[in-house]
Protein backbone atom coordinates (compact mmCIF):
# COMPACT_ATOMS: atom_id res chain seq x y z
CA MET A 1 14.13 -8.53 24.68
CA GLY A 2 10.73 -8.03 23.30
CA GLU A 3 8.41 -11.00 23.90
CA THR A 4 7.12 -11.54 20.42
CA THR A 5 9.87 -9.96 18.39
CA GLY A 6 13.14 -11.17 19.76
CA LEU A 7 14.33 -7.42 19.41
CA PRO A 8 14.97 -5.15 22.43
CA ALA A 9 12.00 -3.14 23.00
CA ALA A 10 13.98 0.14 22.22
CA LEU A 11 14.61 0.20 18.49
CA ASN A 12 15.99 3.25 17.03
CA ILE A 13 15.89 4.18 13.47
CA ARG A 14 18.27 7.03 12.58
CA ALA A 15 20.33 8.59 9.81
CA MET A 16 23.21 6.48 8.93
CA GLU A 17 26.69 8.10 9.76
CA MET A 18 30.17 7.39 8.70
CA THR A 19 30.84 5.49 11.97
CA ASP A 20 28.05 3.00 11.11
CA ILE A 21 29.90 1.73 7.87
CA ASP A 22 31.55 -1.13 9.56
CA ALA A 23 28.37 -2.39 11.15
CA VAL A 24 26.44 -1.83 7.83
CA LEU A 25 29.01 -3.72 5.95
CA ALA A 26 28.52 -6.72 8.42
CA VAL A 27 24.65 -6.51 7.64
CA GLU A 28 25.48 -6.19 3.79
CA GLU A 29 27.83 -9.28 3.78
CA ALA A 30 25.21 -11.32 5.70
CA SER A 31 22.54 -10.47 3.27
CA PHE A 32 23.70 -10.44 -0.25
CA ILE A 33 25.68 -12.65 -2.60
CA THR A 34 27.53 -9.72 -4.04
CA PRO A 35 27.68 -7.12 -1.36
CA TRP A 36 28.38 -3.27 -1.79
CA SER A 37 31.96 -2.37 -1.03
CA ARG A 38 32.95 0.23 1.76
CA SER A 39 33.72 2.83 -0.89
CA ALA A 40 30.24 2.52 -2.23
CA PHE A 41 28.54 3.26 1.19
CA VAL A 42 31.14 5.92 1.95
CA ALA A 43 30.10 7.61 -1.40
CA GLU A 44 26.44 7.37 -0.76
CA VAL A 45 26.77 8.83 2.81
CA GLU A 46 29.31 11.58 2.11
CA ASP A 47 28.96 12.52 -1.59
CA ASN A 48 25.50 11.68 -3.00
CA ASP A 49 23.18 14.68 -2.09
CA LEU A 50 20.28 12.58 -3.49
CA ALA A 51 20.73 9.85 -0.99
CA CYS A 52 19.10 9.19 2.32
CA TYR A 53 20.39 5.97 4.34
CA LEU A 54 18.94 4.88 7.64
CA VAL A 55 20.18 2.43 10.19
CA ALA A 56 18.09 0.44 12.63
CA GLU A 57 19.75 -0.06 16.12
CA ALA A 58 18.71 -2.50 18.73
CA GLY A 59 20.52 -2.72 22.06
CA GLY A 60 23.12 -0.09 20.64
CA LYS A 61 23.99 -2.53 17.62
CA VAL A 62 23.13 -1.97 13.99
CA VAL A 63 20.94 -4.82 13.12
CA GLY A 64 19.68 -3.27 9.54
CA TYR A 65 19.81 -0.47 7.17
CA ALA A 66 17.79 1.04 4.21
CA GLY A 67 18.59 3.51 1.61
CA MET A 68 17.07 5.40 -1.16
CA TRP A 69 17.72 8.34 -3.62
CA VAL A 70 15.16 11.09 -3.93
CA ILE A 71 15.09 12.58 -7.52
CA LEU A 72 12.43 15.40 -8.03
CA ASP A 73 9.09 13.74 -7.08
CA GLU A 74 10.39 10.14 -7.10
CA ALA A 75 12.09 7.97 -4.42
CA HIS A 76 14.15 4.89 -5.63
CA VAL A 77 14.81 2.51 -2.82
CA THR A 78 18.46 1.32 -3.26
CA ASN A 79 18.84 -1.23 -0.42
CA VAL A 80 17.15 -2.77 2.47
CA ALA A 81 19.01 -5.38 4.59
CA LEU A 82 18.67 -6.86 8.01
CA LEU A 83 20.78 -9.37 10.06
CA PRO A 84 19.53 -12.86 9.34
CA ALA A 85 18.40 -13.19 13.15
CA CYS A 86 16.33 -9.95 12.85
CA ARG A 87 14.27 -10.99 9.84
CA GLY A 88 10.63 -11.70 9.92
CA GLN A 89 9.99 -9.55 12.99
CA GLY A 90 8.57 -6.29 11.44
CA LEU A 91 11.85 -4.46 11.23
CA GLY A 92 11.78 -4.39 7.41
CA MET A 93 8.30 -2.80 7.56
CA ARG A 94 9.60 -0.26 10.13
CA LEU A 95 12.51 0.63 7.97
CA MET A 96 10.49 0.92 4.80
CA ASN A 97 7.88 2.98 6.70
CA ALA A 98 10.62 5.41 7.83
CA LEU A 99 12.00 5.65 4.15
CA CYS A 100 8.48 6.44 2.99
CA ARG A 101 7.88 9.18 5.46
CA ILE A 102 11.17 10.87 4.60
CA ALA A 103 10.71 10.54 0.83
CA LYS A 104 7.28 12.23 1.08
CA ALA A 105 8.75 14.97 3.29
CA LEU A 106 11.38 15.46 0.72
CA GLY A 107 8.76 16.00 -2.11
CA ALA A 108 8.50 12.47 -3.42
CA VAL A 109 4.86 11.42 -4.52
CA ARG A 110 5.84 7.74 -5.38
CA MET A 111 8.53 5.24 -4.84
CA THR A 112 10.14 2.44 -6.83
CA LEU A 113 12.53 -0.42 -6.24
CA GLU A 114 14.03 -3.57 -7.89
CA VAL A 115 13.78 -6.89 -6.08
CA ARG A 116 15.20 -10.39 -7.24
CA PRO A 117 12.18 -12.74 -8.11
CA SER A 118 13.71 -15.39 -5.79
CA ASN A 119 13.28 -12.76 -2.79
CA HIS A 120 9.75 -13.83 -1.84
CA ALA A 121 9.95 -12.35 1.64
CA ALA A 122 10.88 -8.99 0.28
CA GLN A 123 8.19 -9.09 -2.30
CA ARG A 124 5.64 -9.86 0.40
CA LEU A 125 6.70 -7.05 2.50
CA TYR A 126 6.79 -4.43 -0.29
CA GLY A 127 3.23 -5.75 -1.47
CA LYS A 128 1.99 -5.18 2.17
CA LEU A 129 3.22 -1.58 1.78
CA GLY A 130 1.19 -1.19 -1.34
CA PHE A 131 3.89 -1.70 -4.02
CA GLU A 132 2.81 -3.37 -7.25
CA VAL A 133 4.65 -5.29 -9.76
CA ARG A 134 5.02 -3.05 -13.01
CA GLY A 135 7.78 -4.75 -14.92
CA ILE A 136 10.88 -6.81 -15.37
CA ARG A 137 14.57 -5.77 -15.79
CA PRO A 138 16.15 -8.67 -17.61
CA GLY A 139 19.40 -9.69 -16.37
CA TYR A 140 19.66 -6.89 -13.83
CA TYR A 141 21.71 -8.54 -11.30
CA THR A 142 25.25 -8.86 -12.72
CA ASP A 143 26.29 -11.54 -10.01
CA THR A 144 23.73 -14.19 -11.25
CA ARG A 145 22.21 -12.52 -14.28
CA GLU A 146 18.83 -12.92 -12.61
CA ASP A 147 16.18 -10.54 -13.61
CA ALA A 148 14.69 -7.85 -11.33
CA VAL A 149 11.08 -7.34 -10.61
CA ILE A 150 10.30 -3.65 -10.78
CA MET A 151 7.92 -2.50 -8.15
CA TRP A 152 6.05 0.91 -7.64
CA LEU A 153 4.25 2.53 -4.87
CA ASP A 154 2.15 5.19 -6.58
CA LYS A 155 1.14 7.30 -3.62
CA LEU A 156 3.26 8.02 -0.71
C-alpha cells in the first residue's frame, strides 16, 4: 500500500470492459442513493458510440470508475464514483484528469457535468480542476427532487 494514499502504488486507469460491470455495479451501489442498473452500464459500454467509460484498478480490483459522452466539441461527464474507502486520496482527480485528456483527444474543447448541491467533496474536486458553476437544474435528481448544480470547464 502507498504510505500516504492507502492505495497500492500501482493504480491502473483503463477503458471499462463488459467484464468490469459487476465490479462497477458494486462501486455504483456503494456510492449513490439510486444506482444505475446493469442494463444502463451495458448499453453505455456496448451500444453508445458517444460514451467513454474508465475504471480505476488497484491491486487488481476495480475501486472506481468515471464516464462521459463526447458530442461534437463538448464532453458531458455522466458519472464519477469511488469505493468509500478510496475517497479523499486523489483518485477522483486522476479519473477526471484521464477523462479530460481523452475528451481533448476526441476533439472536445470544453466539459460539463451536473452535481448534487449536497456533494461538497465533488464540487471541491471539480473546482480544483477549473470547473465553474454556471447554473442550476431544478428538480434534476428524480430520487430526491434535489436540484443539480451545472458546472463547466471552458478549456480542456
